[in-house]
Amino acid sequence: MVITHTAAGTASTVLPPTNPTGRVVLVWHLLGEPGTPDTMAATLPLHGVDAWRVYPALPLPDTAMTPERYATLVRRAVDEAPDVLAALPDWDGTAVDVVGGSAGGHVALLTAARATVPVRRVAVVNPAVTLHAVVDASLDQGALHHHEWTDDALTAAEPLDVLAHAPRITAPLLVLRGEHEYPAFRPAQDALVAVVPDARLVEIPDLAHMLVTRVDDVDREVTRWLA
């Protein structure tokens, strides 16, 4: 059974547990594929985790994505997490698991670092870790043709620097990285795993940045980590 849930204007796709439980997993989608709550739930259903699996929608801008709009999107998603949880009738207040891919991974990491909600475990797939890495990858992929690091741009980037706050991630962290991950993302991912006290990096063969191949392997690794 799939449930549609809305809290504080944020729509979520919800997969219920087999048995009644107050445990919750928050799973944020990518900006590419899968790029919606429904498609993320279909790609990473996490059936082996007996918990409410909640897939919130990222607050996508109405106009073309820019680094500044990306920063706003991530900050808003992190800020909205407590409202999403509070509106769930079965959440019992215990620590939740947070999961995400790419931009959704950025949200999951910052949620854990800022302790926006109590976090038990973290699993991220090809995560964005800094806004600088996002800009570099966008330039490499041709999604962005030019970017100037003005004072305003640097100010927007600072709160999104997970590395600056990584020692505050006390929950166990799993980073899944595809064999064909963006080169611009790799250095920050390596640095993240090196600095978080309890972190593990797992490489997934044949996986690109988008979750369109080897998704069963990704689902299995995340399920094992959370279960």
C-alpha atoms as a PDB file:
ATOM      1  CA  MET A   1       0.000   0.000   0.000  1.00  0.00           C
ATOM      2  CA  VAL A   2       1.265   3.460  -0.938  1.00  0.00           C
ATOM      3  CA  ILE A   3       0.056   6.514   0.988  1.00  0.00           C
ATOM      4  CA  THR A   4       0.252  10.159  -0.041  1.00  0.00           C
ATOM      5  CA  HIS A   5       0.925  12.432   2.914  1.00  0.00           C
ATOM      6  CA  THR A   6       1.242  16.229   3.127  1.00  0.00           C
ATOM      7  CA  ALA A   7       2.766  18.181   6.002  1.00  0.00           C
ATOM      8  CA  ALA A   8       3.457  21.922   6.071  1.00  0.00           C
ATOM      9  CA  GLY A   9       3.059  22.006   2.296  1.00  0.00           C
ATOM     10  CA  THR A  10       5.498  19.152   1.675  1.00  0.00           C
ATOM     11  CA  ALA A  11       3.988  16.176  -0.154  1.00  0.00           C
ATOM     12  CA  SER A  12       5.437  12.758   0.654  1.00  0.00           C
ATOM     13  CA  THR A  13       4.996   9.229  -0.598  1.00  0.00           C
ATOM     14  CA  VAL A  14       4.753   6.829   2.349  1.00  0.00           C
ATOM     15  CA  LEU A  15       5.261   3.062   2.432  1.00  0.00           C
ATOM     16  CA  PRO A  16       3.873   1.578   5.681  1.00  0.00           C
ATOM     17  CA  PRO A  17       5.577  -1.149   7.728  1.00  0.00           C
ATOM     18  CA  THR A  18       4.404  -4.730   7.855  1.00  0.00           C
ATOM     19  CA  ASN A  19       3.885  -4.478  11.611  1.00  0.00           C
ATOM     20  CA  PRO A  20       2.733  -1.422  13.563  1.00  0.00           C
ATOM     21  CA  THR A  21       5.804   0.544  14.574  1.00  0.00           C
ATOM     22  CA  GLY A  22       6.870   4.075  15.395  1.00  0.00           C
ATOM     23  CA  ARG A  23      10.122   3.711  13.491  1.00  0.00           C
ATOM     24  CA  VAL A  24      10.593   6.047  10.496  1.00  0.00           C
ATOM     25  CA  VAL A  25      13.015   6.273   7.574  1.00  0.00           C
ATOM     26  CA  LEU A  26      13.157   9.561   5.650  1.00  0.00           C
ATOM     27  CA  VAL A  27      14.297   9.093   2.030  1.00  0.00           C
ATOM     28  CA  TRP A  28      15.000  12.089  -0.239  1.00  0.00           C
ATOM     29  CA  HIS A  29      15.065  11.703  -4.023  1.00  0.00           C
ATOM     30  CA  LEU A  30      17.564  13.021  -6.562  1.00  0.00           C
ATOM     31  CA  LEU A  31      17.142  15.956  -8.911  1.00  0.00           C
ATOM     32  CA  GLY A  32      17.692  13.617 -11.846  1.00  0.00           C
ATOM     33  CA  GLU A  33      16.568   9.987 -11.834  1.00  0.00           C
ATOM     34  CA  PRO A  34      14.668   9.076  -9.731  1.00  0.00           C
ATOM     35  CA  GLY A  35      13.496  12.652  -9.314  1.00  0.00           C
ATOM     36  CA  THR A  36      10.146  12.391  -7.499  1.00  0.00           C
ATOM     37  CA  PRO A  37       8.931  10.803  -4.250  1.00  0.00           C
ATOM     38  CA  ASP A  38       6.968   8.154  -6.183  1.00  0.00           C
ATOM     39  CA  THR A  39       9.880   7.105  -8.369  1.00  0.00           C
ATOM     40  CA  MET A  40      12.294   7.107  -5.425  1.00  0.00           C
ATOM     41  CA  ALA A  41       9.892   4.858  -3.493  1.00  0.00           C
ATOM     42  CA  ALA A  42       9.757   2.509  -6.473  1.00  0.00           C
ATOM     43  CA  THR A  43      13.557   2.515  -6.868  1.00  0.00           C
ATOM     44  CA  LEU A  44      14.456   2.170  -3.168  1.00  0.00           C
ATOM     45  CA  PRO A  45      11.386   0.622  -1.499  1.00  0.00           C
ATOM     46  CA  LEU A  46      13.478  -0.817   1.360  1.00  0.00           C
ATOM     47  CA  HIS A  47      10.964  -3.606   1.885  1.00  0.00           C
ATOM     48  CA  GLY A  48      13.365  -5.326   4.270  1.00  0.00           C
ATOM     49  CA  VAL A  49      13.194  -2.416   6.725  1.00  0.00           C
ATOM     50  CA  ASP A  50      10.119  -2.756   8.931  1.00  0.00           C
ATOM     51  CA  ALA A  51       9.444   0.950   9.340  1.00  0.00           C
ATOM     52  CA  TRP A  52       7.445   3.790   7.869  1.00  0.00           C
ATOM     53  CA  ARG A  53       9.427   4.769   4.755  1.00  0.00           C
ATOM     54  CA  VAL A  54       8.654   8.402   4.030  1.00  0.00           C
ATOM     55  CA  TYR A  55       9.779   9.982   0.738  1.00  0.00           C
ATOM     56  CA  PRO A  56       9.404  13.795   0.957  1.00  0.00           C
ATOM     57  CA  ALA A  57       9.330  15.938  -2.171  1.00  0.00           C
ATOM     58  CA  LEU A  58      12.250  18.298  -2.579  1.00  0.00           C
ATOM     59  CA  PRO A  59      11.067  21.928  -2.940  1.00  0.00           C
ATOM     60  CA  LEU A  60      11.969  22.357  -6.601  1.00  0.00           C
ATOM     61  CA  PRO A  61      12.126  25.912  -7.974  1.00  0.00           C
ATOM     62  CA  ASP A  62       9.702  27.082 -10.647  1.00  0.00           C
ATOM     63  CA  THR A  63      12.558  28.371 -12.801  1.00  0.00           C
ATOM     64  CA  ALA A  64      15.869  26.958 -14.023  1.00  0.00           C
ATOM     65  CA  MET A  65      18.129  25.508 -11.350  1.00  0.00           C
ATOM     66  CA  THR A  66      21.080  27.698 -10.363  1.00  0.00           C
ATOM     67  CA  PRO A  67      23.610  27.157  -7.556  1.00  0.00           C
ATOM     68  CA  GLU A  68      21.781  29.734  -5.445  1.00  0.00           C
ATOM     69  CA  ARG A  69      18.418  28.043  -6.032  1.00  0.00           C
ATOM     70  CA  TYR A  70      20.001  24.678  -5.289  1.00  0.00           C
ATOM     71  CA  ALA A  71      21.250  26.052  -1.962  1.00  0.00           C
ATOM     72  CA  THR A  72      17.772  27.307  -1.117  1.00  0.00           C
ATOM     73  CA  LEU A  73      16.253  23.944  -2.052  1.00  0.00           C
ATOM     74  CA  VAL A  74      18.593  21.999   0.240  1.00  0.00           C
ATOM     75  CA  ARG A  75      18.174  24.402   3.167  1.00  0.00           C
ATOM     76  CA  ARG A  76      14.387  24.301   2.854  1.00  0.00           C
ATOM     77  CA  ALA A  77      14.290  20.502   2.698  1.00  0.00           C
ATOM     78  CA  VAL A  78      16.407  20.255   5.860  1.00  0.00           C
ATOM     79  CA  ASP A  79      14.240  22.820   7.637  1.00  0.00           C
ATOM     80  CA  GLU A  80      11.038  21.008   6.639  1.00  0.00           C
ATOM     81  CA  ALA A  81      12.109  17.607   8.008  1.00  0.00           C
ATOM     82  CA  PRO A  82      10.782  18.216  11.557  1.00  0.00           C
ATOM     83  CA  ASP A  83       7.352  19.199  10.187  1.00  0.00           C
ATOM     84  CA  VAL A  84       7.223  16.073   7.999  1.00  0.00           C
ATOM     85  CA  LEU A  85       7.951  13.907  11.029  1.00  0.00           C
ATOM     86  CA  ALA A  86       5.663  15.736  13.426  1.00  0.00           C
ATOM     87  CA  ALA A  87       2.692  15.242  11.101  1.00  0.00           C
ATOM     88  CA  LEU A  88       3.126  11.453  11.028  1.00  0.00           C
ATOM     89  CA  PRO A  89       0.545  10.009  13.435  1.00  0.00           C
ATOM     90  CA  ASP A  90       2.609   6.903  14.206  1.00  0.00           C
ATOM     91  CA  TRP A  91       6.009   8.485  14.818  1.00  0.00           C
ATOM     92  CA  ASP A  92       6.850   7.857  18.470  1.00  0.00           C
ATOM     93  CA  GLY A  93       9.598  10.459  18.767  1.00  0.00           C
ATOM     94  CA  THR A  94      12.498   8.016  18.484  1.00  0.00           C
ATOM     95  CA  ALA A  95      15.513   8.680  16.303  1.00  0.00           C
ATOM     96  CA  VAL A  96      14.927   8.191  12.581  1.00  0.00           C
ATOM     97  CA  ASP A  97      17.054   6.879   9.740  1.00  0.00           C
ATOM     98  CA  VAL A  98      17.853   9.330   6.921  1.00  0.00           C
ATOM     99  CA  VAL A  99      18.596   8.287   3.340  1.00  0.00           C
ATOM    100  CA  GLY A 100      19.125  10.203   0.113  1.00  0.00           C
ATOM    101  CA  GLY A 101      20.737  10.239  -3.304  1.00  0.00           C
ATOM    102  CA  SER A 102      22.753  13.116  -4.788  1.00  0.00           C
ATOM    103  CA  ALA A 103      20.909  16.292  -3.704  1.00  0.00           C
ATOM    104  CA  GLY A 104      18.740  14.120  -1.467  1.00  0.00           C
ATOM    105  CA  GLY A 105      21.939  12.785   0.058  1.00  0.00           C
ATOM    106  CA  HIS A 106      23.017  16.365   0.696  1.00  0.00           C
ATOM    107  CA  VAL A 107      19.759  16.901   2.591  1.00  0.00           C
ATOM    108  CA  ALA A 108      20.207  13.684   4.599  1.00  0.00           C
ATOM    109  CA  LEU A 109      23.788  14.577   5.562  1.00  0.00           C
ATOM    110  CA  LEU A 110      22.918  18.108   6.653  1.00  0.00           C
ATOM    111  CA  THR A 111      19.891  16.822   8.576  1.00  0.00           C
ATOM    112  CA  ALA A 112      22.235  14.540  10.518  1.00  0.00           C
ATOM    113  CA  ALA A 113      24.941  17.195  10.958  1.00  0.00           C
ATOM    114  CA  ARG A 114      22.549  19.881  12.150  1.00  0.00           C
ATOM    115  CA  ALA A 115      20.502  17.434  14.259  1.00  0.00           C
ATOM    116  CA  THR A 116      17.367  18.976  12.756  1.00  0.00           C
ATOM    117  CA  VAL A 117      15.673  15.724  13.810  1.00  0.00           C
ATOM    118  CA  PRO A 118      17.066  12.908  15.981  1.00  0.00           C
ATOM    119  CA  VAL A 119      19.015  10.580  13.668  1.00  0.00           C
ATOM    120  CA  ARG A 120      19.850   6.905  14.279  1.00  0.00           C
ATOM    121  CA  ARG A 121      21.636   5.930  11.043  1.00  0.00           C
ATOM    122  CA  VAL A 122      22.502   7.595   7.724  1.00  0.00           C
ATOM    123  CA  ALA A 123      22.782   6.077   4.233  1.00  0.00           C
ATOM    124  CA  VAL A 124      23.556   8.190   1.182  1.00  0.00           C
ATOM    125  CA  VAL A 125      24.096   7.274  -2.468  1.00  0.00           C
ATOM    126  CA  ASN A 126      26.426   9.379  -4.643  1.00  0.00           C
ATOM    127  CA  PRO A 127      25.823  12.294  -2.273  1.00  0.00           C
ATOM    128  CA  ALA A 128      26.513  15.937  -2.915  1.00  0.00           C
ATOM    129  CA  VAL A 129      28.691  17.097  -0.023  1.00  0.00           C
ATOM    130  CA  THR A 130      29.492  20.725  -0.848  1.00  0.00           C
ATOM    131  CA  LEU A 131      27.998  23.352  -3.141  1.00  0.00           C
ATOM    132  CA  HIS A 132      31.419  23.765  -4.753  1.00  0.00           C
ATOM    133  CA  ALA A 133      31.324  20.105  -5.840  1.00  0.00           C
ATOM    134  CA  VAL A 134      27.792  20.559  -7.213  1.00  0.00           C
ATOM    135  CA  VAL A 135      28.906  23.551  -9.272  1.00  0.00           C
ATOM    136  CA  ASP A 136      32.015  21.734 -10.552  1.00  0.00           C
ATOM    137  CA  ALA A 137      29.948  18.679 -11.560  1.00  0.00           C
ATOM    138  CA  SER A 138      27.362  20.897 -13.269  1.00  0.00           C
ATOM    139  CA  LEU A 139      30.108  22.606 -15.259  1.00  0.00           C
ATOM    140  CA  ASP A 140      31.632  19.242 -16.197  1.00  0.00           C
ATOM    141  CA  GLN A 141      28.247  17.868 -17.317  1.00  0.00           C
ATOM    142  CA  GLY A 142      27.321  20.992 -19.278  1.00  0.00           C
ATOM    143  CA  ALA A 143      24.302  21.717 -17.081  1.00  0.00           C
ATOM    144  CA  LEU A 144      25.982  24.981 -16.086  1.00  0.00           C
ATOM    145  CA  HIS A 145      28.068  27.010 -18.533  1.00  0.00           C
ATOM    146  CA  HIS A 146      29.553  29.578 -16.171  1.00  0.00           C
ATOM    147  CA  HIS A 147      29.603  30.358 -12.486  1.00  0.00           C
ATOM    148  CA  GLU A 148      31.277  33.196 -10.644  1.00  0.00           C
ATOM    149  CA  TRP A 149      32.006  32.751  -6.956  1.00  0.00           C
ATOM    150  CA  THR A 150      30.810  36.145  -5.775  1.00  0.00           C
ATOM    151  CA  ASP A 151      30.561  37.051  -2.104  1.00  0.00           C
ATOM    152  CA  ASP A 152      26.843  36.207  -2.208  1.00  0.00           C
ATOM    153  CA  ALA A 153      27.565  32.827  -3.803  1.00  0.00           C
ATOM    154  CA  LEU A 154      30.170  32.007  -1.171  1.00  0.00           C
ATOM    155  CA  THR A 155      27.733  33.018   1.561  1.00  0.00           C
ATOM    156  CA  ALA A 156      25.127  30.653   0.071  1.00  0.00           C
ATOM    157  CA  ALA A 157      27.676  27.841  -0.135  1.00  0.00           C
ATOM    158  CA  GLU A 158      28.902  27.947   3.459  1.00  0.00           C
ATOM    159  CA  PRO A 159      25.834  26.391   5.182  1.00  0.00           C
ATOM    160  CA  LEU A 160      25.871  23.549   2.621  1.00  0.00           C
ATOM    161  CA  ASP A 161      29.461  22.509   3.378  1.00  0.00           C
ATOM    162  CA  VAL A 162      28.916  19.149   5.054  1.00  0.00           C
ATOM    163  CA  LEU A 163      32.663  18.755   5.618  1.00  0.00           C
ATOM    164  CA  ALA A 164      32.676  21.776   7.910  1.00  0.00           C
ATOM    165  CA  HIS A 165      30.052  20.113  10.101  1.00  0.00           C
ATOM    166  CA  ALA A 166      30.986  16.450   9.557  1.00  0.00           C
ATOM    167  CA  PRO A 167      32.384  15.828  13.076  1.00  0.00           C
ATOM    168  CA  ARG A 168      28.870  16.536  14.342  1.00  0.00           C
ATOM    169  CA  ILE A 169      27.535  13.511  12.430  1.00  0.00           C
ATOM    170  CA  THR A 170      27.585  11.010  15.286  1.00  0.00           C
ATOM    171  CA  ALA A 171      25.215   8.474  13.695  1.00  0.00           C
ATOM    172  CA  PRO A 172      26.788   5.599  11.730  1.00  0.00           C
ATOM    173  CA  LEU A 173      27.163   6.664   8.090  1.00  0.00           C
ATOM    174  CA  LEU A 174      27.090   4.550   4.926  1.00  0.00           C
ATOM    175  CA  VAL A 175      28.230   6.160   1.672  1.00  0.00           C
ATOM    176  CA  LEU A 176      27.415   4.188  -1.479  1.00  0.00           C
ATOM    177  CA  ARG A 177      29.332   5.369  -4.521  1.00  0.00           C
ATOM    178  CA  GLY A 178      28.919   4.267  -8.101  1.00  0.00           C
ATOM    179  CA  GLU A 179      31.812   3.198 -10.264  1.00  0.00           C
ATOM    180  CA  HIS A 180      30.828   5.965 -12.707  1.00  0.00           C
ATOM    181  CA  GLU A 181      30.184   8.672 -10.112  1.00  0.00           C
ATOM    182  CA  TYR A 182      30.911  12.287 -11.084  1.00  0.00           C
ATOM    183  CA  PRO A 183      34.675  12.891 -10.665  1.00  0.00           C
ATOM    184  CA  ALA A 184      33.907  16.283  -9.103  1.00  0.00           C
ATOM    185  CA  PHE A 185      31.967  14.608  -6.271  1.00  0.00           C
ATOM    186  CA  ARG A 186      34.620  12.064  -5.293  1.00  0.00           C
ATOM    187  CA  PRO A 187      37.152  14.176  -3.308  1.00  0.00           C
ATOM    188  CA  ALA A 188      34.528  15.580  -0.935  1.00  0.00           C
ATOM    189  CA  GLN A 189      32.969  12.121  -0.498  1.00  0.00           C
ATOM    190  CA  ASP A 190      36.367  10.670   0.413  1.00  0.00           C
ATOM    191  CA  ALA A 191      37.016  13.518   2.842  1.00  0.00           C
ATOM    192  CA  LEU A 192      33.599  12.990   4.428  1.00  0.00           C
ATOM    193  CA  VAL A 193      34.227   9.305   5.098  1.00  0.00           C
ATOM    194  CA  ALA A 194      37.664  10.155   6.524  1.00  0.00           C
ATOM    195  CA  VAL A 195      36.340  12.675   9.042  1.00  0.00           C
ATOM    196  CA  VAL A 196      33.043  11.152  10.247  1.00  0.00           C
ATOM    197  CA  PRO A 197      33.823   8.996  13.295  1.00  0.00           C
ATOM    198  CA  ASP A 198      31.724   5.981  12.215  1.00  0.00           C
ATOM    199  CA  ALA A 199      31.615   5.910   8.407  1.00  0.00           C
ATOM    200  CA  ARG A 200      31.855   3.254   5.717  1.00  0.00           C
ATOM    201  CA  LEU A 201      32.323   3.670   1.950  1.00  0.00           C
ATOM    202  CA  VAL A 202      31.024   0.976  -0.415  1.00  0.00           C
ATOM    203  CA  GLU A 203      31.722   1.128  -4.156  1.00  0.00           C
ATOM    204  CA  ILE A 204      28.953  -0.188  -6.454  1.00  0.00           C
ATOM    205  CA  PRO A 205      30.222  -1.550  -9.819  1.00  0.00           C
ATOM    206  CA  ASP A 206      28.538  -0.231 -12.994  1.00  0.00           C
ATOM    207  CA  LEU A 207      26.483   2.348 -11.071  1.00  0.00           C
ATOM    208  CA  ALA A 208      26.343   5.826 -12.603  1.00  0.00           C
ATOM    209  CA  HIS A 209      25.467   8.970 -10.660  1.00  0.00           C
ATOM    210  CA  MET A 210      21.768   8.561 -11.385  1.00  0.00           C
ATOM    211  CA  LEU A 211      20.061   5.510  -9.896  1.00  0.00           C
ATOM    212  CA  VAL A 212      19.106   3.812 -13.141  1.00  0.00           C
ATOM    213  CA  THR A 213      21.315   0.712 -12.938  1.00  0.00           C
ATOM    214  CA  ARG A 214      22.219  -1.699 -10.134  1.00  0.00           C
ATOM    215  CA  VAL A 215      19.328  -0.343  -8.067  1.00  0.00           C
ATOM    216  CA  ASP A 216      18.704  -3.757  -6.502  1.00  0.00           C
ATOM    217  CA  ASP A 217      22.262  -3.705  -5.168  1.00  0.00           C
ATOM    218  CA  VAL A 218      21.753  -0.216  -3.769  1.00  0.00           C
ATOM    219  CA  ASP A 219      18.457  -1.187  -2.143  1.00  0.00           C
ATOM    220  CA  ARG A 220      20.052  -4.291  -0.647  1.00  0.00           C
ATOM    221  CA  GLU A 221      23.037  -2.363   0.805  1.00  0.00           C
ATOM    222  CA  VAL A 222      20.852   0.341   2.318  1.00  0.00           C
ATOM    223  CA  THR A 223      18.428  -2.229   3.721  1.00  0.00           C
ATOM    224  CA  ARG A 224      21.276  -4.181   5.299  1.00  0.00           C
ATOM    225  CA  TRP A 225      22.680  -0.989   6.834  1.00  0.00           C
ATOM    226  CA  LEU A 226      19.360   0.108   8.317  1.00  0.00           C
ATOM    227  CA  ALA A 227      18.052  -3.319   9.343  1.00  0.00           C
END
